[in-house]
């Protein structure tokens, strides 16, 4: 299979590629921001390893959000919104 150039792609394929790229970057940015704001006690494992894992396509940020964060304690005063 030969590699396609950007100019070989149809307009719909280009839009799909751009949309997927934006979603991937947004997920990574959200995961890195969340990781940076959490204390080491609020993260499963070591923060530098999670930071590296987040860089792996869609898999890294999704894995971090599913497995890397410890659940927040309910009723704790954290300065954010409270769960009632």
PDB file of N, CA and C in Angstrom:
ATOM      1  N   UNK A   1       0.843  -1.171   0.000  1.00  0.00           N
ATOM      2  CA  UNK A   1       0.000   0.000   0.000  1.00  0.00           C
ATOM      3  C   UNK A   1       0.896   1.244   0.000  1.00  0.00           C
ATOM      4  N   UNK A   2       0.583   2.165  -0.863  1.00  0.00           N
ATOM      5  CA  UNK A   2       1.386   3.388  -0.950  1.00  0.00           C
ATOM      6  C   UNK A   2       0.841   4.434   0.015  1.00  0.00           C
ATOM      7  N   UNK A   3       1.723   5.270   0.484  1.00  0.00           N
ATOM      8  CA  UNK A   3       1.315   6.353   1.381  1.00  0.00           C
ATOM      9  C   UNK A   3       0.642   7.450   0.582  1.00  0.00           C
ATOM     10  N   UNK A   4      -0.449   7.948   1.128  1.00  0.00           N
ATOM     11  CA  UNK A   4      -1.149   9.046   0.473  1.00  0.00           C
ATOM     12  C   UNK A   4      -0.593  10.371   0.954  1.00  0.00           C
ATOM     13  N   UNK A   5      -0.569  11.312   0.070  1.00  0.00           N
ATOM     14  CA  UNK A   5      -0.199  12.675   0.424  1.00  0.00           C
ATOM     15  C   UNK A   5      -1.478  13.425   0.805  1.00  0.00           C
ATOM     16  N   UNK A   6      -1.291  14.528   1.502  1.00  0.00           N
ATOM     17  CA  UNK A   6      -2.435  15.340   1.911  1.00  0.00           C
ATOM     18  C   UNK A   6      -3.271  15.730   0.696  1.00  0.00           C
ATOM     19  N   UNK A   7      -2.617  16.047  -0.387  1.00  0.00           N
ATOM     20  CA  UNK A   7      -3.331  16.481  -1.596  1.00  0.00           C
ATOM     21  C   UNK A   7      -4.113  15.335  -2.243  1.00  0.00           C
ATOM     22  N   UNK A   8      -3.777  14.080  -1.915  1.00  0.00           N
ATOM     23  CA  UNK A   8      -4.497  12.932  -2.467  1.00  0.00           C
ATOM     24  C   UNK A   8      -5.793  12.633  -1.715  1.00  0.00           C
ATOM     25  N   UNK A   9      -5.955  13.195  -0.536  1.00  0.00           N
ATOM     26  CA  UNK A   9      -7.142  12.912   0.270  1.00  0.00           C
ATOM     27  C   UNK A   9      -8.336  13.722  -0.214  1.00  0.00           C
ATOM     28  N   UNK A  10      -9.504  13.102  -0.104  1.00  0.00           N
ATOM     29  CA  UNK A  10     -10.741  13.810  -0.434  1.00  0.00           C
ATOM     30  C   UNK A  10     -11.046  14.803   0.683  1.00  0.00           C
ATOM     31  N   UNK A  11     -11.851  15.825   0.409  1.00  0.00           N
ATOM     32  CA  UNK A  11     -12.172  16.827   1.441  1.00  0.00           C
ATOM     33  C   UNK A  11     -12.760  16.224   2.717  1.00  0.00           C
ATOM     34  N   UNK A  12     -13.607  15.215   2.590  1.00  0.00           N
ATOM     35  CA  UNK A  12     -14.186  14.566   3.770  1.00  0.00           C
ATOM     36  C   UNK A  12     -13.127  13.850   4.602  1.00  0.00           C
ATOM     37  N   UNK A  13     -12.166  13.243   3.942  1.00  0.00           N
ATOM     38  CA  UNK A  13     -11.083  12.574   4.650  1.00  0.00           C
ATOM     39  C   UNK A  13     -10.204  13.594   5.381  1.00  0.00           C
ATOM     40  N   UNK A  14      -9.985  14.723   4.746  1.00  0.00           N
ATOM     41  CA  UNK A  14      -9.188  15.776   5.389  1.00  0.00           C
ATOM     42  C   UNK A  14      -9.892  16.279   6.643  1.00  0.00           C
ATOM     43  N   UNK A  15     -11.203  16.536   6.526  1.00  0.00           N
ATOM     44  CA  UNK A  15     -11.966  17.012   7.681  1.00  0.00           C
ATOM     45  C   UNK A  15     -11.963  15.974   8.799  1.00  0.00           C
ATOM     46  N   UNK A  16     -12.106  14.718   8.449  1.00  0.00           N
ATOM     47  CA  UNK A  16     -12.080  13.649   9.447  1.00  0.00           C
ATOM     48  C   UNK A  16     -10.737  13.569  10.159  1.00  0.00           C
ATOM     49  N   UNK A  17      -9.669  13.704   9.397  1.00  0.00           N
ATOM     50  CA  UNK A  17      -8.332  13.678   9.988  1.00  0.00           C
ATOM     51  C   UNK A  17      -8.136  14.855  10.939  1.00  0.00           C
ATOM     52  N   UNK A  18      -8.571  16.043  10.520  1.00  0.00           N
ATOM     53  CA  UNK A  18      -8.430  17.238  11.358  1.00  0.00           C
ATOM     54  C   UNK A  18      -9.274  17.091  12.627  1.00  0.00           C
ATOM     55  N   UNK A  19     -10.505  16.591  12.494  1.00  0.00           N
ATOM     56  CA  UNK A  19     -11.376  16.417  13.661  1.00  0.00           C
ATOM     57  C   UNK A  19     -10.774  15.418  14.646  1.00  0.00           C
ATOM     58  N   UNK A  20     -10.276  14.292  14.147  1.00  0.00           N
ATOM     59  CA  UNK A  20      -9.663  13.290  15.025  1.00  0.00           C
ATOM     60  C   UNK A  20      -8.427  13.852  15.717  1.00  0.00           C
ATOM     61  N   UNK A  21      -7.654  14.641  15.004  1.00  0.00           N
ATOM     62  CA  UNK A  21      -6.462  15.254  15.593  1.00  0.00           C
ATOM     63  C   UNK A  21      -6.836  16.236  16.697  1.00  0.00           C
ATOM     64  N   UNK A  22      -7.874  17.034  16.470  1.00  0.00           N
ATOM     65  CA  UNK A  22      -8.314  17.994  17.484  1.00  0.00           C
ATOM     66  C   UNK A  22      -8.814  17.289  18.742  1.00  0.00           C
ATOM     67  N   UNK A  23      -9.554  16.197  18.558  1.00  0.00           N
ATOM     68  CA  UNK A  23     -10.042  15.438  19.710  1.00  0.00           C
ATOM     69  C   UNK A  23      -8.868  14.842  20.477  1.00  0.00           C
ATOM     70  N   UNK A  24      -7.910  14.295  19.766  1.00  0.00           N
ATOM     71  CA  UNK A  24      -6.735  13.710  20.413  1.00  0.00           C
ATOM     72  C   UNK A  24      -5.959  14.757  21.214  1.00  0.00           C
ATOM     73  N   UNK A  25      -5.712  15.915  20.628  1.00  0.00           N
ATOM     74  CA  UNK A  25      -4.982  16.970  21.333  1.00  0.00           C
ATOM     75  C   UNK A  25      -5.773  17.506  22.523  1.00  0.00           C
ATOM     76  N   UNK A  26      -7.091  17.627  22.372  1.00  0.00           N
ATOM     77  CA  UNK A  26      -7.911  18.108  23.481  1.00  0.00           C
ATOM     78  C   UNK A  26      -7.905  17.111  24.644  1.00  0.00           C
ATOM     79  N   UNK A  27      -8.002  15.819  24.334  1.00  0.00           N
ATOM     80  CA  UNK A  27      -7.931  14.801  25.380  1.00  0.00           C
ATOM     81  C   UNK A  27      -6.594  14.850  26.106  1.00  0.00           C
ATOM     82  N   UNK A  28      -5.515  14.950  25.346  1.00  0.00           N
ATOM     83  CA  UNK A  28      -4.182  14.988  25.954  1.00  0.00           C
ATOM     84  C   UNK A  28      -4.019  16.238  26.812  1.00  0.00           C
ATOM     85  N   UNK A  29      -4.461  17.381  26.323  1.00  0.00           N
ATOM     86  CA  UNK A  29      -4.340  18.626  27.088  1.00  0.00           C
ATOM     87  C   UNK A  29      -5.149  18.548  28.379  1.00  0.00           C
ATOM     88  N   UNK A  30      -6.353  17.998  28.312  1.00  0.00           N
ATOM     89  CA  UNK A  30      -7.178  17.865  29.508  1.00  0.00           C
ATOM     90  C   UNK A  30      -6.539  16.908  30.512  1.00  0.00           C
ATOM     91  N   UNK A  31      -5.989  15.805  30.023  1.00  0.00           N
ATOM     92  CA  UNK A  31      -5.358  14.834  30.912  1.00  0.00           C
ATOM     93  C   UNK A  31      -4.107  15.413  31.563  1.00  0.00           C
ATOM     94  N   UNK A  32      -3.262  16.100  30.791  1.00  0.00           N
ATOM     95  CA  UNK A  32      -2.053  16.703  31.363  1.00  0.00           C
ATOM     96  C   UNK A  32      -2.403  17.793  32.372  1.00  0.00           C
ATOM     97  N   UNK A  33      -3.430  18.580  32.085  1.00  0.00           N
ATOM     98  CA  UNK A  33      -3.856  19.622  33.012  1.00  0.00           C
ATOM     99  C   UNK A  33      -4.358  19.008  34.308  1.00  0.00           C
ATOM    100  N   UNK A  34      -5.182  17.981  34.203  1.00  0.00           N
ATOM    101  CA  UNK A  34      -5.695  17.309  35.389  1.00  0.00           C
ATOM    102  C   UNK A  34      -4.556  16.688  36.196  1.00  0.00           C
ATOM    103  N   UNK A  35      -3.629  16.050  35.518  1.00  0.00           N
ATOM    104  CA  UNK A  35      -2.490  15.425  36.186  1.00  0.00           C
ATOM    105  C   UNK A  35      -1.639  16.459  36.914  1.00  0.00           C
ATOM    106  N   UNK A  36      -1.426  17.594  36.295  1.00  0.00           N
ATOM    107  CA  UNK A  36      -0.602  18.641  36.906  1.00  0.00           C
ATOM    108  C   UNK A  36      -1.266  19.220  38.152  1.00  0.00           C
ATOM    109  N   UNK A  37      -2.578  19.262  38.185  1.00  0.00           N
ATOM    110  CA  UNK A  37      -3.304  19.863  39.307  1.00  0.00           C
ATOM    111  C   UNK A  37      -3.492  18.901  40.480  1.00  0.00           C
ATOM    112  N   UNK A  38      -3.283  17.633  40.262  1.00  0.00           N
ATOM    113  CA  UNK A  38      -3.478  16.634  41.325  1.00  0.00           C
ATOM    114  C   UNK A  38      -2.200  16.425  42.122  1.00  0.00           C
ATOM    115  N   UNK A  39      -2.373  16.098  43.387  1.00  0.00           N
ATOM    116  CA  UNK A  39      -1.227  15.743  44.215  1.00  0.00           C
ATOM    117  C   UNK A  39      -0.844  14.297  43.895  1.00  0.00           C
ATOM    118  N   UNK A  40       0.373  13.888  44.208  1.00  0.00           N
ATOM    119  CA  UNK A  40       0.763  12.489  43.951  1.00  0.00           C
ATOM    120  C   UNK A  40      -0.138  11.476  44.654  1.00  0.00           C
ATOM    121  N   UNK A  41      -0.731  11.860  45.778  1.00  0.00           N
ATOM    122  CA  UNK A  41      -1.618  10.952  46.503  1.00  0.00           C
ATOM    123  C   UNK A  41      -2.942  10.732  45.777  1.00  0.00           C
ATOM    124  N   UNK A  42      -3.280  11.602  44.850  1.00  0.00           N
ATOM    125  CA  UNK A  42      -4.540  11.491  44.116  1.00  0.00           C
ATOM    126  C   UNK A  42      -4.380  10.762  42.791  1.00  0.00           C
ATOM    127  N   UNK A  43      -3.199  10.208  42.542  1.00  0.00           N
ATOM    128  CA  UNK A  43      -2.912   9.532  41.272  1.00  0.00           C
ATOM    129  C   UNK A  43      -2.437   8.121  41.565  1.00  0.00           C
ATOM    130  N   UNK A  44      -2.943   7.149  40.801  1.00  0.00           N
ATOM    131  CA  UNK A  44      -2.447   5.775  40.905  1.00  0.00           C
ATOM    132  C   UNK A  44      -1.124   5.696  40.147  1.00  0.00           C
ATOM    133  N   UNK A  45      -0.068   5.344  40.827  1.00  0.00           N
ATOM    134  CA  UNK A  45       1.227   5.238  40.167  1.00  0.00           C
ATOM    135  C   UNK A  45       1.980   6.552  40.218  1.00  0.00           C
ATOM    136  N   UNK A  46       3.043   6.616  39.445  1.00  0.00           N
ATOM    137  CA  UNK A  46       3.903   7.789  39.446  1.00  0.00           C
ATOM    138  C   UNK A  46       3.465   8.777  38.374  1.00  0.00           C
ATOM    139  N   UNK A  47       3.431  10.045  38.758  1.00  0.00           N
ATOM    140  CA  UNK A  47       2.974  11.095  37.848  1.00  0.00           C
ATOM    141  C   UNK A  47       3.825  11.192  36.580  1.00  0.00           C
ATOM    142  N   UNK A  48       5.166  11.088  36.643  1.00  0.00           N
ATOM    143  CA  UNK A  48       5.949  11.165  35.401  1.00  0.00           C
ATOM    144  C   UNK A  48       5.615  10.046  34.401  1.00  0.00           C
ATOM    145  N   UNK A  49       5.292   8.874  34.921  1.00  0.00           N
ATOM    146  CA  UNK A  49       4.922   7.775  34.017  1.00  0.00           C
ATOM    147  C   UNK A  49       3.576   8.044  33.354  1.00  0.00           C
ATOM    148  N   UNK A  50       2.634   8.596  34.117  1.00  0.00           N
ATOM    149  CA  UNK A  50       1.338   8.943  33.525  1.00  0.00           C
ATOM    150  C   UNK A  50       1.501  10.066  32.498  1.00  0.00           C
ATOM    151  N   UNK A  51       2.379  11.021  32.792  1.00  0.00           N
ATOM    152  CA  UNK A  51       2.609  12.115  31.845  1.00  0.00           C
ATOM    153  C   UNK A  51       3.121  11.568  30.514  1.00  0.00           C
ATOM    154  N   UNK A  52       4.008  10.583  30.568  1.00  0.00           N
ATOM    155  CA  UNK A  52       4.518   9.965  29.335  1.00  0.00           C
ATOM    156  C   UNK A  52       3.431   9.135  28.648  1.00  0.00           C
ATOM    157  N   UNK A  53       2.640   8.417  29.430  1.00  0.00           N
ATOM    158  CA  UNK A  53       1.587   7.570  28.854  1.00  0.00           C
ATOM    159  C   UNK A  53       0.523   8.400  28.146  1.00  0.00           C
ATOM    160  N   UNK A  54       0.242   9.587  28.648  1.00  0.00           N
ATOM    161  CA  UNK A  54      -0.775  10.446  28.043  1.00  0.00           C
ATOM    162  C   UNK A  54      -0.391  10.823  26.613  1.00  0.00           C
ATOM    163  N   UNK A  55       0.893  10.818  26.310  1.00  0.00           N
ATOM    164  CA  UNK A  55       1.357  11.185  24.969  1.00  0.00           C
ATOM    165  C   UNK A  55       1.058  10.114  23.922  1.00  0.00           C
ATOM    166  N   UNK A  56       0.564   8.955  24.333  1.00  0.00           N
ATOM    167  CA  UNK A  56       0.317   7.850  23.407  1.00  0.00           C
ATOM    168  C   UNK A  56      -1.091   7.952  22.833  1.00  0.00           C
ATOM    169  N   UNK A  57      -1.214   8.574  21.683  1.00  0.00           N
ATOM    170  CA  UNK A  57      -2.469   8.691  20.938  1.00  0.00           C
ATOM    171  C   UNK A  57      -3.690   8.849  21.818  1.00  0.00           C
ATOM    172  N   UNK A  58      -4.788   8.204  21.459  1.00  0.00           N
ATOM    173  CA  UNK A  58      -6.023   8.280  22.232  1.00  0.00           C
ATOM    174  C   UNK A  58      -5.945   7.401  23.475  1.00  0.00           C
ATOM    175  N   UNK A  59      -5.150   6.360  23.399  1.00  0.00           N
ATOM    176  CA  UNK A  59      -5.098   5.358  24.461  1.00  0.00           C
ATOM    177  C   UNK A  59      -4.599   5.950  25.776  1.00  0.00           C
ATOM    178  N   UNK A  60      -3.562   6.765  25.746  1.00  0.00           N
ATOM    179  CA  UNK A  60      -2.971   7.305  26.962  1.00  0.00           C
ATOM    180  C   UNK A  60      -3.919   8.164  27.777  1.00  0.00           C
ATOM    181  N   UNK A  61      -4.523   9.200  27.182  1.00  0.00           N
ATOM    182  CA  UNK A  61      -5.457  10.022  27.965  1.00  0.00           C
ATOM    183  C   UNK A  61      -6.663   9.245  28.476  1.00  0.00           C
ATOM    184  N   UNK A  62      -7.192   8.346  27.667  1.00  0.00           N
ATOM    185  CA  UNK A  62      -8.346   7.565  28.095  1.00  0.00           C
ATOM    186  C   UNK A  62      -7.958   6.647  29.248  1.00  0.00           C
ATOM    187  N   UNK A  63      -6.783   6.020  29.164  1.00  0.00           N
ATOM    188  CA  UNK A  63      -6.301   5.164  30.255  1.00  0.00           C
ATOM    189  C   UNK A  63      -6.111   5.973  31.530  1.00  0.00           C
ATOM    190  N   UNK A  64      -5.565   7.175  31.403  1.00  0.00           N
ATOM    191  CA  UNK A  64      -5.373   8.016  32.585  1.00  0.00           C
ATOM    192  C   UNK A  64      -6.711   8.342  33.234  1.00  0.00           C
ATOM    193  N   UNK A  65      -7.698   8.775  32.445  1.00  0.00           N
ATOM    194  CA  UNK A  65      -8.991   9.135  33.014  1.00  0.00           C
ATOM    195  C   UNK A  65      -9.714   7.922  33.598  1.00  0.00           C
ATOM    196  N   UNK A  66      -9.523   6.744  33.012  1.00  0.00           N
ATOM    197  CA  UNK A  66     -10.193   5.541  33.513  1.00  0.00           C
ATOM    198  C   UNK A  66      -9.461   4.896  34.687  1.00  0.00           C
ATOM    199  N   UNK A  67      -8.138   4.865  34.651  1.00  0.00           N
ATOM    200  CA  UNK A  67      -7.372   4.092  35.628  1.00  0.00           C
ATOM    201  C   UNK A  67      -6.398   4.897  36.477  1.00  0.00           C
ATOM    202  N   UNK A  68      -5.962   6.046  36.016  1.00  0.00           N
ATOM    203  CA  UNK A  68      -4.891   6.758  36.689  1.00  0.00           C
ATOM    204  C   UNK A  68      -5.310   7.643  37.836  1.00  0.00           C
ATOM    205  N   UNK A  69      -6.552   8.074  37.849  1.00  0.00           N
ATOM    206  CA  UNK A  69      -7.008   8.986  38.900  1.00  0.00           C
ATOM    207  C   UNK A  69      -7.694   8.195  40.001  1.00  0.00           C
ATOM    208  N   UNK A  70      -7.406   8.564  41.235  1.00  0.00           N
ATOM    209  CA  UNK A  70      -8.120   7.973  42.352  1.00  0.00           C
ATOM    210  C   UNK A  70      -9.444   8.709  42.514  1.00  0.00           C
ATOM    211  N   UNK A  71     -10.479   8.025  42.979  1.00  0.00           N
ATOM    212  CA  UNK A  71     -11.767   8.699  43.148  1.00  0.00           C
ATOM    213  C   UNK A  71     -11.673   9.799  44.193  1.00  0.00           C
ATOM    214  N   UNK A  72     -12.379  10.876  43.936  1.00  0.00           N
ATOM    215  CA  UNK A  72     -12.388  12.006  44.867  1.00  0.00           C
ATOM    216  C   UNK A  72     -13.188  11.627  46.101  1.00  0.00           C
ATOM    217  N   UNK A  73     -12.758  12.142  47.240  1.00  0.00           N
ATOM    218  CA  UNK A  73     -13.498  11.892  48.477  1.00  0.00           C
ATOM    219  C   UNK A  73     -14.733  12.767  48.482  1.00  0.00           C
ATOM    220  N   UNK A  74     -15.867  12.201  48.794  1.00  0.00           N
ATOM    221  CA  UNK A  74     -17.118  12.965  48.812  1.00  0.00           C
ATOM    222  C   UNK A  74     -17.202  13.802  50.072  1.00  0.00           C
ATOM    223  N   UNK A  75     -17.718  15.009  49.902  1.00  0.00           N
ATOM    224  CA  UNK A  75     -17.927  15.882  51.037  1.00  0.00           C
ATOM    225  C   UNK A  75     -16.671  16.611  51.492  1.00  0.00           C
ATOM    226  N   UNK A  76     -15.553  16.374  50.840  1.00  0.00           N
ATOM    227  CA  UNK A  76     -14.319  17.021  51.235  1.00  0.00           C
ATOM    228  C   UNK A  76     -14.285  18.434  50.685  1.00  0.00           C
ATOM    229  N   UNK A  77     -13.855  19.367  51.471  1.00  0.00           N
ATOM    230  CA  UNK A  77     -13.741  20.755  51.024  1.00  0.00           C
ATOM    231  C   UNK A  77     -12.515  20.871  50.147  1.00  0.00           C
ATOM    232  N   UNK A  78     -12.725  20.983  48.840  1.00  0.00           N
ATOM    233  CA  UNK A  78     -11.594  21.073  47.927  1.00  0.00           C
ATOM    234  C   UNK A  78     -11.531  22.405  47.209  1.00  0.00           C
ATOM    235  N   UNK A  79     -12.434  23.310  47.528  1.00  0.00           N
ATOM    236  CA  UNK A  79     -12.453  24.595  46.870  1.00  0.00           C
ATOM    237  C   UNK A  79     -13.252  24.575  45.583  1.00  0.00           C
ATOM    238  N   UNK A  80     -13.663  23.411  45.139  1.00  0.00           N
ATOM    239  CA  UNK A  80     -14.445  23.310  43.918  1.00  0.00           C
ATOM    240  C   UNK A  80     -15.913  23.055  44.246  1.00  0.00           C
ATOM    241  N   UNK A  81     -16.631  22.571  43.283  1.00  0.00           N
ATOM    242  CA  UNK A  81     -18.045  22.278  43.486  1.00  0.00           C
ATOM    243  C   UNK A  81     -18.198  21.074  44.398  1.00  0.00           C
ATOM    244  N   UNK A  82     -19.194  21.132  45.250  1.00  0.00           N
ATOM    245  CA  UNK A  82     -19.448  20.026  46.172  1.00  0.00           C
ATOM    246  C   UNK A  82     -20.518  19.126  45.610  1.00  0.00           C
ATOM    247  N   UNK A  83     -20.360  17.833  45.859  1.00  0.00           N
ATOM    248  CA  UNK A  83     -21.363  16.863  45.467  1.00  0.00           C
ATOM    249  C   UNK A  83     -22.306  16.690  46.638  1.00  0.00           C
ATOM    250  N   UNK A  84     -23.591  16.876  46.409  1.00  0.00           N
ATOM    251  CA  UNK A  84     -24.572  16.758  47.495  1.00  0.00           C
ATOM    252  C   UNK A  84     -25.214  15.407  47.474  1.00  0.00           C
TER     253      UNK A  84
END
